[in-house]
Amino acid sequence: MITIDCLGEMCPIPVLKAQKEFKKLASGDTIKIITDHSCVLESVSSKFKKHQITSEEVIVGVWEIFITKS
């Protein structure tokens, strides 16, 4: 699993970082994005809608977003 730390980074930076790493994945592999901006979940969901996306607020104001390549 590739982990991308995007704490303190606003859109579109997390999405751009995820796109760059996503190209390296094989089908079934997962990227984890750690963010403290709720707008990132919305942006990721629209950009990677063909893939499985799950998220969890691990502490107040910090989310982990998982994108699994189809």
N, C-alpha and C. Protein backbone atom coordinates (compact mmCIF):
# COMPACT_ATOMS: atom_id res chain seq x y z
N MET A 1 0.84 -1.17 0.00
CA MET A 1 0.00 0.00 0.00
C MET A 1 0.89 1.24 0.00
N ILE A 2 0.55 2.17 -0.87
CA ILE A 2 1.25 3.45 -0.92
C ILE A 2 0.50 4.43 -0.03
N THR A 3 1.22 5.13 0.85
CA THR A 3 0.62 6.13 1.72
C THR A 3 1.08 7.51 1.29
N ILE A 4 0.13 8.42 1.13
CA ILE A 4 0.43 9.79 0.73
C ILE A 4 -0.02 10.71 1.87
N ASP A 5 0.93 11.39 2.49
CA ASP A 5 0.64 12.32 3.57
C ASP A 5 0.34 13.69 2.98
N CYS A 6 -0.90 14.10 3.07
CA CYS A 6 -1.32 15.39 2.52
C CYS A 6 -1.82 16.33 3.61
N LEU A 7 -1.36 16.13 4.83
CA LEU A 7 -1.78 17.00 5.92
C LEU A 7 -1.32 18.43 5.62
N GLY A 8 -2.26 19.36 5.72
CA GLY A 8 -1.96 20.76 5.48
C GLY A 8 -2.02 21.17 4.02
N GLU A 9 -2.31 20.24 3.12
CA GLU A 9 -2.34 20.55 1.69
C GLU A 9 -3.78 20.64 1.20
N MET A 10 -4.07 21.69 0.46
CA MET A 10 -5.41 21.92 -0.07
C MET A 10 -5.52 21.33 -1.48
N CYS A 11 -6.76 21.16 -1.93
CA CYS A 11 -7.01 20.70 -3.29
C CYS A 11 -6.44 21.72 -4.26
N PRO A 12 -5.90 21.29 -5.35
CA PRO A 12 -5.90 19.95 -5.94
C PRO A 12 -4.65 19.13 -5.63
N ILE A 13 -3.78 19.59 -4.75
CA ILE A 13 -2.50 18.92 -4.50
C ILE A 13 -2.68 17.44 -4.12
N PRO A 14 -3.57 17.07 -3.18
CA PRO A 14 -3.71 15.64 -2.85
C PRO A 14 -4.16 14.78 -4.05
N VAL A 15 -5.05 15.33 -4.86
CA VAL A 15 -5.53 14.59 -6.03
C VAL A 15 -4.39 14.40 -7.04
N LEU A 16 -3.61 15.44 -7.25
CA LEU A 16 -2.48 15.34 -8.20
C LEU A 16 -1.46 14.32 -7.72
N LYS A 17 -1.18 14.32 -6.42
CA LYS A 17 -0.24 13.34 -5.87
C LYS A 17 -0.79 11.92 -6.03
N ALA A 18 -2.09 11.76 -5.78
CA ALA A 18 -2.72 10.44 -5.91
C ALA A 18 -2.68 9.97 -7.37
N GLN A 19 -2.96 10.85 -8.30
CA GLN A 19 -2.92 10.48 -9.72
C GLN A 19 -1.53 10.00 -10.12
N LYS A 20 -0.51 10.68 -9.64
CA LYS A 20 0.87 10.30 -9.98
C LYS A 20 1.19 8.89 -9.47
N GLU A 21 0.83 8.61 -8.22
CA GLU A 21 1.11 7.30 -7.63
C GLU A 21 0.19 6.21 -8.19
N PHE A 22 -1.03 6.59 -8.56
CA PHE A 22 -2.01 5.63 -9.06
C PHE A 22 -1.53 4.93 -10.32
N LYS A 23 -0.75 5.64 -11.13
CA LYS A 23 -0.23 5.07 -12.37
C LYS A 23 0.69 3.87 -12.12
N LYS A 24 1.28 3.83 -10.94
CA LYS A 24 2.22 2.76 -10.59
C LYS A 24 1.53 1.50 -10.07
N LEU A 25 0.24 1.59 -9.77
CA LEU A 25 -0.47 0.48 -9.14
C LEU A 25 -0.93 -0.58 -10.13
N ALA A 26 -0.96 -1.81 -9.64
CA ALA A 26 -1.59 -2.90 -10.37
C ALA A 26 -3.04 -3.00 -9.89
N SER A 27 -3.86 -3.69 -10.64
CA SER A 27 -5.25 -3.90 -10.23
C SER A 27 -5.29 -4.57 -8.86
N GLY A 28 -6.11 -4.03 -7.97
CA GLY A 28 -6.24 -4.57 -6.62
C GLY A 28 -5.36 -3.89 -5.59
N ASP A 29 -4.39 -3.08 -6.05
CA ASP A 29 -3.52 -2.33 -5.13
C ASP A 29 -4.26 -1.11 -4.58
N THR A 30 -3.77 -0.60 -3.45
CA THR A 30 -4.46 0.49 -2.75
C THR A 30 -3.51 1.63 -2.42
N ILE A 31 -4.04 2.83 -2.51
CA ILE A 31 -3.37 4.05 -2.05
C ILE A 31 -4.13 4.55 -0.83
N LYS A 32 -3.39 5.01 0.17
CA LYS A 32 -4.01 5.66 1.33
C LYS A 32 -3.58 7.12 1.34
N ILE A 33 -4.57 8.01 1.37
CA ILE A 33 -4.30 9.44 1.46
C ILE A 33 -4.70 9.89 2.86
N ILE A 34 -3.80 10.59 3.53
CA ILE A 34 -4.09 11.15 4.85
C ILE A 34 -4.26 12.65 4.66
N THR A 35 -5.40 13.18 5.08
CA THR A 35 -5.70 14.59 4.85
C THR A 35 -6.43 15.21 6.03
N ASP A 36 -6.30 16.51 6.15
CA ASP A 36 -7.05 17.24 7.17
C ASP A 36 -7.99 18.26 6.54
N HIS A 37 -8.31 18.06 5.26
CA HIS A 37 -9.27 18.91 4.56
C HIS A 37 -10.39 18.03 4.01
N SER A 38 -11.59 18.28 4.45
CA SER A 38 -12.73 17.45 4.04
C SER A 38 -13.02 17.53 2.55
N CYS A 39 -12.63 18.62 1.90
CA CYS A 39 -12.89 18.75 0.46
C CYS A 39 -12.12 17.72 -0.36
N VAL A 40 -11.04 17.18 0.19
CA VAL A 40 -10.24 16.20 -0.54
C VAL A 40 -11.05 14.95 -0.84
N LEU A 41 -11.87 14.51 0.11
CA LEU A 41 -12.70 13.31 -0.10
C LEU A 41 -13.61 13.50 -1.30
N GLU A 42 -14.23 14.65 -1.41
CA GLU A 42 -15.12 14.93 -2.53
C GLU A 42 -14.36 14.95 -3.85
N SER A 43 -13.20 15.57 -3.85
CA SER A 43 -12.38 15.64 -5.06
C SER A 43 -11.89 14.27 -5.50
N VAL A 44 -11.43 13.47 -4.54
CA VAL A 44 -10.95 12.12 -4.84
C VAL A 44 -12.10 11.26 -5.36
N SER A 45 -13.27 11.38 -4.73
CA SER A 45 -14.42 10.58 -5.15
C SER A 45 -14.81 10.86 -6.59
N SER A 46 -14.75 12.13 -7.00
CA SER A 46 -15.13 12.45 -8.38
C SER A 46 -14.04 12.05 -9.38
N LYS A 47 -12.78 12.13 -8.98
CA LYS A 47 -11.68 11.82 -9.90
C LYS A 47 -11.47 10.31 -10.09
N PHE A 48 -11.72 9.53 -9.04
CA PHE A 48 -11.46 8.09 -9.08
C PHE A 48 -12.75 7.28 -8.97
N LYS A 49 -13.85 7.78 -9.53
CA LYS A 49 -15.15 7.15 -9.34
C LYS A 49 -15.28 5.74 -9.92
N LYS A 50 -14.38 5.35 -10.79
CA LYS A 50 -14.42 4.00 -11.36
C LYS A 50 -13.77 2.96 -10.44
N HIS A 51 -13.19 3.43 -9.34
CA HIS A 51 -12.45 2.56 -8.44
C HIS A 51 -13.11 2.55 -7.06
N GLN A 52 -12.73 1.60 -6.23
CA GLN A 52 -13.32 1.50 -4.90
C GLN A 52 -12.68 2.53 -3.97
N ILE A 53 -13.54 3.34 -3.34
CA ILE A 53 -13.06 4.37 -2.43
C ILE A 53 -13.76 4.20 -1.08
N THR A 54 -12.96 4.17 -0.02
CA THR A 54 -13.50 4.16 1.32
C THR A 54 -12.76 5.24 2.12
N SER A 55 -13.39 5.70 3.17
CA SER A 55 -12.74 6.71 4.00
C SER A 55 -13.15 6.54 5.45
N GLU A 56 -12.31 7.09 6.31
CA GLU A 56 -12.58 7.01 7.75
C GLU A 56 -11.98 8.25 8.40
N GLU A 57 -12.75 8.87 9.29
CA GLU A 57 -12.23 9.98 10.07
C GLU A 57 -11.54 9.38 11.29
N VAL A 58 -10.22 9.32 11.26
CA VAL A 58 -9.45 8.60 12.29
C VAL A 58 -9.32 9.40 13.59
N ILE A 59 -9.23 10.70 13.47
CA ILE A 59 -9.37 11.60 14.62
C ILE A 59 -10.14 12.81 14.11
N VAL A 60 -10.64 13.61 14.99
CA VAL A 60 -11.46 14.74 14.58
C VAL A 60 -10.67 15.62 13.61
N GLY A 61 -11.21 15.75 12.40
CA GLY A 61 -10.60 16.60 11.38
C GLY A 61 -9.50 15.97 10.56
N VAL A 62 -9.24 14.67 10.74
CA VAL A 62 -8.22 13.97 9.95
C VAL A 62 -8.85 12.71 9.34
N TRP A 63 -8.74 12.60 8.03
CA TRP A 63 -9.32 11.46 7.32
C TRP A 63 -8.25 10.63 6.65
N GLU A 64 -8.54 9.34 6.56
CA GLU A 64 -7.75 8.42 5.74
C GLU A 64 -8.67 7.98 4.60
N ILE A 65 -8.23 8.20 3.38
CA ILE A 65 -9.00 7.84 2.20
C ILE A 65 -8.25 6.70 1.48
N PHE A 66 -8.95 5.62 1.21
CA PHE A 66 -8.36 4.47 0.54
C PHE A 66 -8.94 4.34 -0.85
N ILE A 67 -8.07 4.26 -1.85
CA ILE A 67 -8.49 4.07 -3.23
C ILE A 67 -7.89 2.75 -3.71
N THR A 68 -8.74 1.80 -4.06
CA THR A 68 -8.29 0.51 -4.56
C THR A 68 -8.54 0.47 -6.07
N LYS A 69 -7.49 0.21 -6.82
CA LYS A 69 -7.57 0.20 -8.28
C LYS A 69 -8.37 -0.99 -8.76
N SER A 70 -9.28 -0.73 -9.68
CA SER A 70 -10.12 -1.80 -10.25
C SER A 70 -9.33 -2.65 -11.21
